[in-house]
Amino acid sequence: MAKPNYSFEKRQREIAKKKKQDEKQAKKQQARDTANPPANPEPSESGSGNKS
């Protein structure tokens, strides 16, 4: 009988936990962005930084 690979199971749990945390953080960031839009958005022309 094969023995269980506990390190693989632990890694899978850690990956699932990290994914859940990332999704939660992204959701919170999106809610924050929609609730507080930037007051003075930067013009895209001056932010390019391609000056010769």
Protein backbone atom coordinates (compact mmCIF):
# COMPACT_ATOMS: atom_id res chain seq x y z
CA MET A 1 0.00 0.00 0.00
CA ALA A 2 1.35 3.42 -0.94
CA LYS A 3 1.96 5.93 1.80
CA PRO A 4 0.26 9.34 1.58
CA ASN A 5 2.27 12.29 0.30
CA TYR A 6 1.59 14.81 3.05
CA SER A 7 3.94 17.44 1.64
CA PHE A 8 1.97 17.49 -1.64
CA GLU A 9 -1.32 17.86 0.24
CA LYS A 10 0.14 20.65 2.38
CA ARG A 11 1.40 22.47 -0.71
CA GLN A 12 -2.02 22.20 -2.34
CA ARG A 13 -3.65 23.66 0.78
CA GLU A 14 -1.12 26.51 0.82
CA ILE A 15 -1.77 27.28 -2.85
CA ALA A 16 -5.53 27.32 -2.28
CA LYS A 17 -5.12 29.56 0.75
CA LYS A 18 -2.87 31.99 -1.15
CA LYS A 19 -5.31 32.09 -4.08
CA LYS A 20 -8.19 32.87 -1.73
CA GLN A 21 -6.19 35.65 -0.05
CA ASP A 22 -5.23 37.16 -3.42
CA GLU A 23 -8.85 37.12 -4.59
CA LYS A 24 -9.97 38.76 -1.36
CA GLN A 25 -7.27 41.43 -1.62
CA ALA A 26 -8.14 42.14 -5.27
CA LYS A 27 -11.83 42.45 -4.37
CA LYS A 28 -11.01 44.87 -1.55
CA GLN A 29 -8.73 46.90 -3.86
CA GLN A 30 -11.44 47.09 -6.51
CA ALA A 31 -14.01 48.24 -3.95
CA ARG A 32 -11.57 50.87 -2.69
CA ASP A 33 -10.87 52.11 -6.22
CA THR A 34 -14.54 52.43 -7.12
CA ALA A 35 -15.39 54.12 -3.81
CA ASN A 36 -12.53 56.65 -3.99
CA PRO A 37 -11.63 57.55 -7.58
CA PRO A 38 -8.47 59.65 -7.90
CA ALA A 39 -9.22 63.38 -7.60
CA ASN A 40 -6.53 64.52 -10.05
CA PRO A 41 -5.75 61.82 -12.62
CA GLU A 42 -2.40 62.22 -14.33
CA PRO A 43 -2.51 63.12 -18.03
CA SER A 44 -1.17 60.24 -20.09
CA GLU A 45 1.04 62.57 -22.17
CA SER A 46 3.27 63.76 -19.32
CA GLY A 47 3.52 60.32 -17.73
CA SER A 48 5.07 58.57 -20.72
CA GLY A 49 8.69 59.44 -19.94
CA ASN A 50 9.85 59.01 -23.57
CA LYS A 51 11.80 62.24 -23.95
CA SER A 52 14.67 62.25 -26.48
